[in-house]
Amino acid sequence: MSETINLNALPYAEWLEKALHGLVKMPVEGICFTAILKGGEAYTNYYNISMMNKLTIAGLIQQDATLDSLAANGFIEYADEENESPND
């Protein structure tokens, strides 16, 4: 028997709900979920994502990380308020 999980009790429930509400308003062709798990492993899951889509998504994540690094070191003022979390 599978365990019932209260999704509302998860620490990221509000963020996930907000992200999904935003997503359904857009003309979505594919979705990528990526999460860092305890212990450092990564979880990925895709819906209708091609190899080229994966390369594009990886590039966008790398760009975000570069901007975060530049901002953290005082080279630029940058705040991605829409996607920031308290632990980011």
PDB file of N, CA and C in Angstrom:
ATOM      1  N   MET A   1       0.845  -1.170   0.000  1.00  0.00           N
ATOM      2  CA  MET A   1       0.000   0.000   0.000  1.00  0.00           C
ATOM      3  C   MET A   1       0.897   1.242   0.000  1.00  0.00           C
ATOM      4  N   SER A   2       0.564   2.216  -0.827  1.00  0.00           N
ATOM      5  CA  SER A   2       1.390   3.417  -0.906  1.00  0.00           C
ATOM      6  C   SER A   2       1.052   4.378   0.225  1.00  0.00           C
ATOM      7  N   GLU A   3       2.076   5.104   0.642  1.00  0.00           N
ATOM      8  CA  GLU A   3       1.942   6.066   1.729  1.00  0.00           C
ATOM      9  C   GLU A   3       1.252   7.330   1.217  1.00  0.00           C
ATOM     10  N   THR A   4       0.310   7.869   1.976  1.00  0.00           N
ATOM     11  CA  THR A   4      -0.351   9.117   1.628  1.00  0.00           C
ATOM     12  C   THR A   4       0.512  10.269   2.115  1.00  0.00           C
ATOM     13  N   ILE A   5       0.783  11.200   1.225  1.00  0.00           N
ATOM     14  CA  ILE A   5       1.622  12.353   1.564  1.00  0.00           C
ATOM     15  C   ILE A   5       0.766  13.612   1.505  1.00  0.00           C
ATOM     16  N   ASN A   6       0.820  14.410   2.565  1.00  0.00           N
ATOM     17  CA  ASN A   6       0.124  15.685   2.601  1.00  0.00           C
ATOM     18  C   ASN A   6       1.004  16.711   1.870  1.00  0.00           C
ATOM     19  N   LEU A   7       0.682  16.979   0.616  1.00  0.00           N
ATOM     20  CA  LEU A   7       1.488  17.888  -0.189  1.00  0.00           C
ATOM     21  C   LEU A   7       1.532  19.289   0.404  1.00  0.00           C
ATOM     22  N   ASN A   8       0.470  19.699   1.069  1.00  0.00           N
ATOM     23  CA  ASN A   8       0.430  21.040   1.662  1.00  0.00           C
ATOM     24  C   ASN A   8       1.405  21.208   2.824  1.00  0.00           C
ATOM     25  N   ALA A   9       1.850  20.111   3.410  1.00  0.00           N
ATOM     26  CA  ALA A   9       2.767  20.177   4.548  1.00  0.00           C
ATOM     27  C   ALA A   9       4.231  20.279   4.107  1.00  0.00           C
ATOM     28  N   LEU A  10       4.495  20.108   2.833  1.00  0.00           N
ATOM     29  CA  LEU A  10       5.873  20.161   2.348  1.00  0.00           C
ATOM     30  C   LEU A  10       6.394  21.602   2.381  1.00  0.00           C
ATOM     31  N   PRO A  11       7.660  21.801   2.695  1.00  0.00           N
ATOM     32  CA  PRO A  11       8.193  23.161   2.809  1.00  0.00           C
ATOM     33  C   PRO A  11       8.164  23.945   1.493  1.00  0.00           C
ATOM     34  N   TYR A  12       8.107  23.262   0.389  1.00  0.00           N
ATOM     35  CA  TYR A  12       8.099  23.918  -0.923  1.00  0.00           C
ATOM     36  C   TYR A  12       6.720  23.900  -1.581  1.00  0.00           C
ATOM     37  N   ALA A  13       5.678  23.543  -0.822  1.00  0.00           N
ATOM     38  CA  ALA A  13       4.326  23.428  -1.376  1.00  0.00           C
ATOM     39  C   ALA A  13       3.829  24.742  -1.973  1.00  0.00           C
ATOM     40  N   GLU A  14       3.998  25.842  -1.266  1.00  0.00           N
ATOM     41  CA  GLU A  14       3.515  27.138  -1.745  1.00  0.00           C
ATOM     42  C   GLU A  14       4.244  27.537  -3.033  1.00  0.00           C
ATOM     43  N   TRP A  15       5.564  27.340  -3.055  1.00  0.00           N
ATOM     44  CA  TRP A  15       6.348  27.663  -4.251  1.00  0.00           C
ATOM     45  C   TRP A  15       5.895  26.813  -5.436  1.00  0.00           C
ATOM     46  N   LEU A  16       5.711  25.516  -5.211  1.00  0.00           N
ATOM     47  CA  LEU A  16       5.312  24.613  -6.290  1.00  0.00           C
ATOM     48  C   LEU A  16       3.929  24.965  -6.829  1.00  0.00           C
ATOM     49  N   GLU A  17       3.002  25.264  -5.938  1.00  0.00           N
ATOM     50  CA  GLU A  17       1.657  25.644  -6.368  1.00  0.00           C
ATOM     51  C   GLU A  17       1.697  26.921  -7.207  1.00  0.00           C
ATOM     52  N   LYS A  18       2.468  27.905  -6.753  1.00  0.00           N
ATOM     53  CA  LYS A  18       2.598  29.167  -7.482  1.00  0.00           C
ATOM     54  C   LYS A  18       3.222  28.925  -8.866  1.00  0.00           C
ATOM     55  N   ALA A  19       4.244  28.084  -8.913  1.00  0.00           N
ATOM     56  CA  ALA A  19       4.901  27.776 -10.187  1.00  0.00           C
ATOM     57  C   ALA A  19       3.941  27.084 -11.147  1.00  0.00           C
ATOM     58  N   LEU A  20       3.168  26.129 -10.647  1.00  0.00           N
ATOM     59  CA  LEU A  20       2.209  25.418 -11.500  1.00  0.00           C
ATOM     60  C   LEU A  20       1.090  26.333 -11.983  1.00  0.00           C
ATOM     61  N   HIS A  21       0.624  27.225 -11.111  1.00  0.00           N
ATOM     62  CA  HIS A  21      -0.412  28.185 -11.524  1.00  0.00           C
ATOM     63  C   HIS A  21       0.113  29.084 -12.639  1.00  0.00           C
ATOM     64  N   GLY A  22       1.360  29.510 -12.533  1.00  0.00           N
ATOM     65  CA  GLY A  22       1.961  30.326 -13.581  1.00  0.00           C
ATOM     66  C   GLY A  22       2.136  29.547 -14.868  1.00  0.00           C
ATOM     67  N   LEU A  23       2.509  28.292 -14.735  1.00  0.00           N
ATOM     68  CA  LEU A  23       2.773  27.435 -15.893  1.00  0.00           C
ATOM     69  C   LEU A  23       1.523  27.186 -16.731  1.00  0.00           C
ATOM     70  N   VAL A  24       0.393  26.973 -16.079  1.00  0.00           N
ATOM     71  CA  VAL A  24      -0.826  26.644 -16.822  1.00  0.00           C
ATOM     72  C   VAL A  24      -1.357  27.822 -17.630  1.00  0.00           C
ATOM     73  N   LYS A  25      -0.848  29.012 -17.359  1.00  0.00           N
ATOM     74  CA  LYS A  25      -1.257  30.196 -18.107  1.00  0.00           C
ATOM     75  C   LYS A  25      -0.412  30.397 -19.369  1.00  0.00           C
ATOM     76  N   MET A  26       0.594  29.546 -19.563  1.00  0.00           N
ATOM     77  CA  MET A  26       1.521  29.687 -20.691  1.00  0.00           C
ATOM     78  C   MET A  26       1.314  28.558 -21.699  1.00  0.00           C
ATOM     79  N   PRO A  27       1.759  28.772 -22.935  1.00  0.00           N
ATOM     80  CA  PRO A  27       1.632  27.721 -23.957  1.00  0.00           C
ATOM     81  C   PRO A  27       2.744  26.669 -23.816  1.00  0.00           C
ATOM     82  N   VAL A  28       2.656  25.843 -22.802  1.00  0.00           N
ATOM     83  CA  VAL A  28       3.703  24.870 -22.460  1.00  0.00           C
ATOM     84  C   VAL A  28       3.784  23.764 -23.515  1.00  0.00           C
ATOM     85  N   GLU A  29       5.016  23.494 -23.949  1.00  0.00           N
ATOM     86  CA  GLU A  29       5.271  22.364 -24.856  1.00  0.00           C
ATOM     87  C   GLU A  29       6.029  21.251 -24.154  1.00  0.00           C
ATOM     88  N   GLY A  30       6.754  21.586 -23.090  1.00  0.00           N
ATOM     89  CA  GLY A  30       7.528  20.593 -22.353  1.00  0.00           C
ATOM     90  C   GLY A  30       7.791  21.086 -20.949  1.00  0.00           C
ATOM     91  N   ILE A  31       8.069  20.164 -20.045  1.00  0.00           N
ATOM     92  CA  ILE A  31       8.327  20.502 -18.644  1.00  0.00           C
ATOM     93  C   ILE A  31       9.530  19.702 -18.153  1.00  0.00           C
ATOM     94  N   CYS A  32      10.365  20.365 -17.376  1.00  0.00           N
ATOM     95  CA  CYS A  32      11.513  19.717 -16.741  1.00  0.00           C
ATOM     96  C   CYS A  32      11.437  19.995 -15.245  1.00  0.00           C
ATOM     97  N   PHE A  33      11.465  18.947 -14.446  1.00  0.00           N
ATOM     98  CA  PHE A  33      11.578  19.088 -12.997  1.00  0.00           C
ATOM     99  C   PHE A  33      12.966  18.612 -12.593  1.00  0.00           C
ATOM    100  N   THR A  34      13.627  19.414 -11.803  1.00  0.00           N
ATOM    101  CA  THR A  34      14.934  19.041 -11.272  1.00  0.00           C
ATOM    102  C   THR A  34      14.953  19.396  -9.791  1.00  0.00           C
ATOM    103  N   ALA A  35      15.445  18.495  -8.976  1.00  0.00           N
ATOM    104  CA  ALA A  35      15.525  18.750  -7.539  1.00  0.00           C
ATOM    105  C   ALA A  35      16.839  18.197  -7.011  1.00  0.00           C
ATOM    106  N   ILE A  36      17.393  18.885  -6.030  1.00  0.00           N
ATOM    107  CA  ILE A  36      18.570  18.391  -5.326  1.00  0.00           C
ATOM    108  C   ILE A  36      18.057  17.689  -4.071  1.00  0.00           C
ATOM    109  N   LEU A  37      18.439  16.448  -3.918  1.00  0.00           N
ATOM    110  CA  LEU A  37      17.972  15.634  -2.798  1.00  0.00           C
ATOM    111  C   LEU A  37      18.963  15.686  -1.648  1.00  0.00           C
ATOM    112  N   LYS A  38      18.496  15.335  -0.464  1.00  0.00           N
ATOM    113  CA  LYS A  38      19.407  15.225   0.674  1.00  0.00           C
ATOM    114  C   LYS A  38      20.496  14.241   0.308  1.00  0.00           C
ATOM    115  N   GLY A  39      21.727  14.577   0.639  1.00  0.00           N
ATOM    116  CA  GLY A  39      22.854  13.730   0.285  1.00  0.00           C
ATOM    117  C   GLY A  39      23.506  14.164  -1.019  1.00  0.00           C
ATOM    118  N   GLY A  40      22.892  15.146  -1.694  1.00  0.00           N
ATOM    119  CA  GLY A  40      23.509  15.701  -2.887  1.00  0.00           C
ATOM    120  C   GLY A  40      23.107  15.088  -4.213  1.00  0.00           C
ATOM    121  N   GLU A  41      22.297  14.044  -4.203  1.00  0.00           N
ATOM    122  CA  GLU A  41      21.851  13.465  -5.474  1.00  0.00           C
ATOM    123  C   GLU A  41      20.856  14.388  -6.139  1.00  0.00           C
ATOM    124  N   ALA A  42      20.679  14.201  -7.430  1.00  0.00           N
ATOM    125  CA  ALA A  42      19.724  15.013  -8.176  1.00  0.00           C
ATOM    126  C   ALA A  42      18.612  14.130  -8.723  1.00  0.00           C
ATOM    127  N   TYR A  43      17.419  14.705  -8.784  1.00  0.00           N
ATOM    128  CA  TYR A  43      16.261  14.049  -9.374  1.00  0.00           C
ATOM    129  C   TYR A  43      15.859  14.881 -10.586  1.00  0.00           C
ATOM    130  N   THR A  44      15.652  14.232 -11.712  1.00  0.00           N
ATOM    131  CA  THR A  44      15.142  14.919 -12.895  1.00  0.00           C
ATOM    132  C   THR A  44      13.997  14.115 -13.475  1.00  0.00           C
ATOM    133  N   ASN A  45      13.034  14.827 -14.019  1.00  0.00           N
ATOM    134  CA  ASN A  45      11.913  14.192 -14.685  1.00  0.00           C
ATOM    135  C   ASN A  45      11.466  15.127 -15.796  1.00  0.00           C
ATOM    136  N   TYR A  46      11.130  14.555 -16.935  1.00  0.00           N
ATOM    137  CA  TYR A  46      10.816  15.359 -18.113  1.00  0.00           C
ATOM    138  C   TYR A  46       9.474  14.961 -18.715  1.00  0.00           C
ATOM    139  N   TYR A  47       8.797  15.964 -19.244  1.00  0.00           N
ATOM    140  CA  TYR A  47       7.610  15.738 -20.057  1.00  0.00           C
ATOM    141  C   TYR A  47       7.859  16.410 -21.405  1.00  0.00           C
ATOM    142  N   ASN A  48       7.943  15.604 -22.451  1.00  0.00           N
ATOM    143  CA  ASN A  48       8.078  16.098 -23.818  1.00  0.00           C
ATOM    144  C   ASN A  48       9.289  17.035 -23.994  1.00  0.00           C
ATOM    145  N   ILE A  49      10.443  16.616 -23.490  1.00  0.00           N
ATOM    146  CA  ILE A  49      11.667  17.408 -23.580  1.00  0.00           C
ATOM    147  C   ILE A  49      12.667  16.689 -24.479  1.00  0.00           C
ATOM    148  N   SER A  50      13.130  17.386 -25.494  1.00  0.00           N
ATOM    149  CA  SER A  50      14.120  16.821 -26.424  1.00  0.00           C
ATOM    150  C   SER A  50      15.535  17.088 -25.912  1.00  0.00           C
ATOM    151  N   MET A  51      16.515  16.519 -26.585  1.00  0.00           N
ATOM    152  CA  MET A  51      17.909  16.767 -26.235  1.00  0.00           C
ATOM    153  C   MET A  51      18.210  18.263 -26.357  1.00  0.00           C
ATOM    154  N   MET A  52      17.716  18.909 -27.395  1.00  0.00           N
ATOM    155  CA  MET A  52      17.955  20.342 -27.585  1.00  0.00           C
ATOM    156  C   MET A  52      17.311  21.150 -26.465  1.00  0.00           C
ATOM    157  N   ASN A  53      16.113  20.751 -26.043  1.00  0.00           N
ATOM    158  CA  ASN A  53      15.466  21.420 -24.911  1.00  0.00           C
ATOM    159  C   ASN A  53      16.328  21.305 -23.654  1.00  0.00           C
ATOM    160  N   LYS A  54      16.898  20.115 -23.421  1.00  0.00           N
ATOM    161  CA  LYS A  54      17.755  19.909 -22.249  1.00  0.00           C
ATOM    162  C   LYS A  54      18.975  20.814 -22.310  1.00  0.00           C
ATOM    163  N   LEU A  55      19.570  20.968 -23.485  1.00  0.00           N
ATOM    164  CA  LEU A  55      20.726  21.855 -23.639  1.00  0.00           C
ATOM    165  C   LEU A  55      20.336  23.308 -23.384  1.00  0.00           C
ATOM    166  N   THR A  56      19.187  23.699 -23.873  1.00  0.00           N
ATOM    167  CA  THR A  56      18.700  25.066 -23.653  1.00  0.00           C
ATOM    168  C   THR A  56      18.467  25.317 -22.164  1.00  0.00           C
ATOM    169  N   ILE A  57      17.786  24.377 -21.500  1.00  0.00           N
ATOM    170  CA  ILE A  57      17.503  24.512 -20.071  1.00  0.00           C
ATOM    171  C   ILE A  57      18.809  24.561 -19.269  1.00  0.00           C
ATOM    172  N   ALA A  58      19.760  23.703 -19.601  1.00  0.00           N
ATOM    173  CA  ALA A  58      21.052  23.694 -18.907  1.00  0.00           C
ATOM    174  C   ALA A  58      21.756  25.039 -19.064  1.00  0.00           C
ATOM    175  N   GLY A  59      21.692  25.597 -20.265  1.00  0.00           N
ATOM    176  CA  GLY A  59      22.306  26.896 -20.511  1.00  0.00           C
ATOM    177  C   GLY A  59      21.659  28.004 -19.702  1.00  0.00           C
ATOM    178  N   LEU A  60      20.331  27.959 -19.577  1.00  0.00           N
ATOM    179  CA  LEU A  60      19.623  28.972 -18.796  1.00  0.00           C
ATOM    180  C   LEU A  60      19.963  28.866 -17.308  1.00  0.00           C
ATOM    181  N   ILE A  61      20.086  27.642 -16.804  1.00  0.00           N
ATOM    182  CA  ILE A  61      20.471  27.448 -15.404  1.00  0.00           C
ATOM    183  C   ILE A  61      21.901  27.938 -15.182  1.00  0.00           C
ATOM    184  N   GLN A  62      22.776  27.651 -16.130  1.00  0.00           N
ATOM    185  CA  GLN A  62      24.164  28.116 -16.021  1.00  0.00           C
ATOM    186  C   GLN A  62      24.215  29.649 -16.033  1.00  0.00           C
ATOM    187  N   GLN A  63      23.393  30.276 -16.859  1.00  0.00           N
ATOM    188  CA  GLN A  63      23.332  31.738 -16.917  1.00  0.00           C
ATOM    189  C   GLN A  63      22.858  32.297 -15.568  1.00  0.00           C
ATOM    190  N   ASP A  64      21.825  31.694 -14.972  1.00  0.00           N
ATOM    191  CA  ASP A  64      21.352  32.127 -13.651  1.00  0.00           C
ATOM    192  C   ASP A  64      22.454  32.006 -12.606  1.00  0.00           C
ATOM    193  N   ALA A  65      23.178  30.894 -12.627  1.00  0.00           N
ATOM    194  CA  ALA A  65      24.258  30.682 -11.658  1.00  0.00           C
ATOM    195  C   ALA A  65      25.368  31.711 -11.846  1.00  0.00           C
ATOM    196  N   THR A  66      25.679  32.038 -13.087  1.00  0.00           N
ATOM    197  CA  THR A  66      26.709  33.046 -13.366  1.00  0.00           C
ATOM    198  C   THR A  66      26.276  34.408 -12.838  1.00  0.00           C
ATOM    199  N   LEU A  67      25.027  34.791 -13.102  1.00  0.00           N
ATOM    200  CA  LEU A  67      24.523  36.068 -12.592  1.00  0.00           C
ATOM    201  C   LEU A  67      24.515  36.089 -11.066  1.00  0.00           C
ATOM    202  N   ASP A  68      24.118  34.987 -10.438  1.00  0.00           N
ATOM    203  CA  ASP A  68      24.139  34.900  -8.972  1.00  0.00           C
ATOM    204  C   ASP A  68      25.558  35.078  -8.439  1.00  0.00           C
ATOM    205  N   SER A  69      26.528  34.458  -9.094  1.00  0.00           N
ATOM    206  CA  SER A  69      27.928  34.549  -8.683  1.00  0.00           C
ATOM    207  C   SER A  69      28.458  35.978  -8.834  1.00  0.00           C
ATOM    208  N   LEU A  70      28.139  36.609  -9.955  1.00  0.00           N
ATOM    209  CA  LEU A  70      28.575  37.985 -10.170  1.00  0.00           C
ATOM    210  C   LEU A  70      27.958  38.919  -9.134  1.00  0.00           C
ATOM    211  N   ALA A  71      26.692  38.717  -8.825  1.00  0.00           N
ATOM    212  CA  ALA A  71      26.018  39.548  -7.830  1.00  0.00           C
ATOM    213  C   ALA A  71      26.591  39.297  -6.430  1.00  0.00           C
ATOM    214  N   ALA A  72      26.834  38.043  -6.099  1.00  0.00           N
ATOM    215  CA  ALA A  72      27.359  37.703  -4.774  1.00  0.00           C
ATOM    216  C   ALA A  72      28.743  38.300  -4.541  1.00  0.00           C
ATOM    217  N   ASN A  73      29.489  38.496  -5.613  1.00  0.00           N
ATOM    218  CA  ASN A  73      30.835  39.055  -5.508  1.00  0.00           C
ATOM    219  C   ASN A  73      30.865  40.557  -5.782  1.00  0.00           C
ATOM    220  N   GLY A  74      29.686  41.174  -5.868  1.00  0.00           N
ATOM    221  CA  GLY A  74      29.591  42.613  -5.987  1.00  0.00           C
ATOM    222  C   GLY A  74      29.887  43.193  -7.354  1.00  0.00           C
ATOM    223  N   PHE A  75      29.960  42.359  -8.382  1.00  0.00           N
ATOM    224  CA  PHE A  75      30.248  42.865  -9.718  1.00  0.00           C
ATOM    225  C   PHE A  75      29.023  43.463 -10.405  1.00  0.00           C
ATOM    226  N   ILE A  76      27.842  42.980 -10.039  1.00  0.00           N
ATOM    227  CA  ILE A  76      26.596  43.500 -10.597  1.00  0.00           C
ATOM    228  C   ILE A  76      25.545  43.529  -9.506  1.00  0.00           C
ATOM    229  N   GLU A  77      24.504  44.327  -9.725  1.00  0.00           N
ATOM    230  CA  GLU A  77      23.330  44.282  -8.864  1.00  0.00           C
ATOM    231  C   GLU A  77      22.289  43.482  -9.617  1.00  0.00           C
ATOM    232  N   TYR A  78      21.877  42.380  -9.041  1.00  0.00           N
ATOM    233  CA  TYR A  78      20.977  41.470  -9.729  1.00  0.00           C
ATOM    234  C   TYR A  78      20.093  40.797  -8.707  1.00  0.00           C
ATOM    235  N   ALA A  79      18.798  40.830  -8.949  1.00  0.00           N
ATOM    236  CA  ALA A  79      17.857  40.118  -8.079  1.00  0.00           C
ATOM    237  C   ALA A  79      16.795  39.488  -8.956  1.00  0.00           C
ATOM    238  N   ASP A  80      16.747  38.178  -8.938  1.00  0.00           N
ATOM    239  CA  ASP A  80      15.732  37.436  -9.674  1.00  0.00           C
ATOM    240  C   ASP A  80      14.611  37.138  -8.690  1.00  0.00           C
ATOM    241  N   GLU A  81      13.887  38.190  -8.321  1.00  0.00           N
ATOM    242  CA  GLU A  81      12.887  38.096  -7.261  1.00  0.00           C
ATOM    243  C   GLU A  81      11.818  37.057  -7.545  1.00  0.00           C
ATOM    244  N   GLU A  82      11.495  36.863  -8.809  1.00  0.00           N
ATOM    245  CA  GLU A  82      10.433  35.925  -9.176  1.00  0.00           C
ATOM    246  C   GLU A  82      10.792  34.494  -8.828  1.00  0.00           C
ATOM    247  N   ASN A  83      12.081  34.160  -8.887  1.00  0.00           N
ATOM    248  CA  ASN A  83      12.495  32.769  -8.693  1.00  0.00           C
ATOM    249  C   ASN A  83      13.316  32.550  -7.426  1.00  0.00           C
ATOM    250  N   GLU A  84      13.539  33.586  -6.631  1.00  0.00           N
ATOM    251  CA  GLU A  84      14.363  33.426  -5.445  1.00  0.00           C
ATOM    252  C   GLU A  84      13.608  32.726  -4.335  1.00  0.00           C
ATOM    253  N   SER A  85      14.322  31.933  -3.578  1.00  0.00           N
ATOM    254  CA  SER A  85      13.768  31.316  -2.388  1.00  0.00           C
ATOM    255  C   SER A  85      14.621  31.766  -1.210  1.00  0.00           C
ATOM    256  N   PRO A  86      14.134  31.620   0.000  1.00  0.00           N
ATOM    257  CA  PRO A  86      14.917  32.063   1.170  1.00  0.00           C
ATOM    258  C   PRO A  86      16.257  31.347   1.271  1.00  0.00           C
ATOM    259  N   ASN A  87      16.378  30.154   0.699  1.00  0.00           N
ATOM    260  CA  ASN A  87      17.618  29.390   0.806  1.00  0.00           C
ATOM    261  C   ASN A  87      18.511  29.534  -0.422  1.00  0.00           C
ATOM    262  N   ASP A  88      18.157  30.401  -1.353  1.00  0.00           N
ATOM    263  CA  ASP A  88      18.918  30.545  -2.596  1.00  0.00           C
ATOM    264  C   ASP A  88      20.091  31.475  -2.417  1.00  0.00           C
TER     265      ASP A  88
END
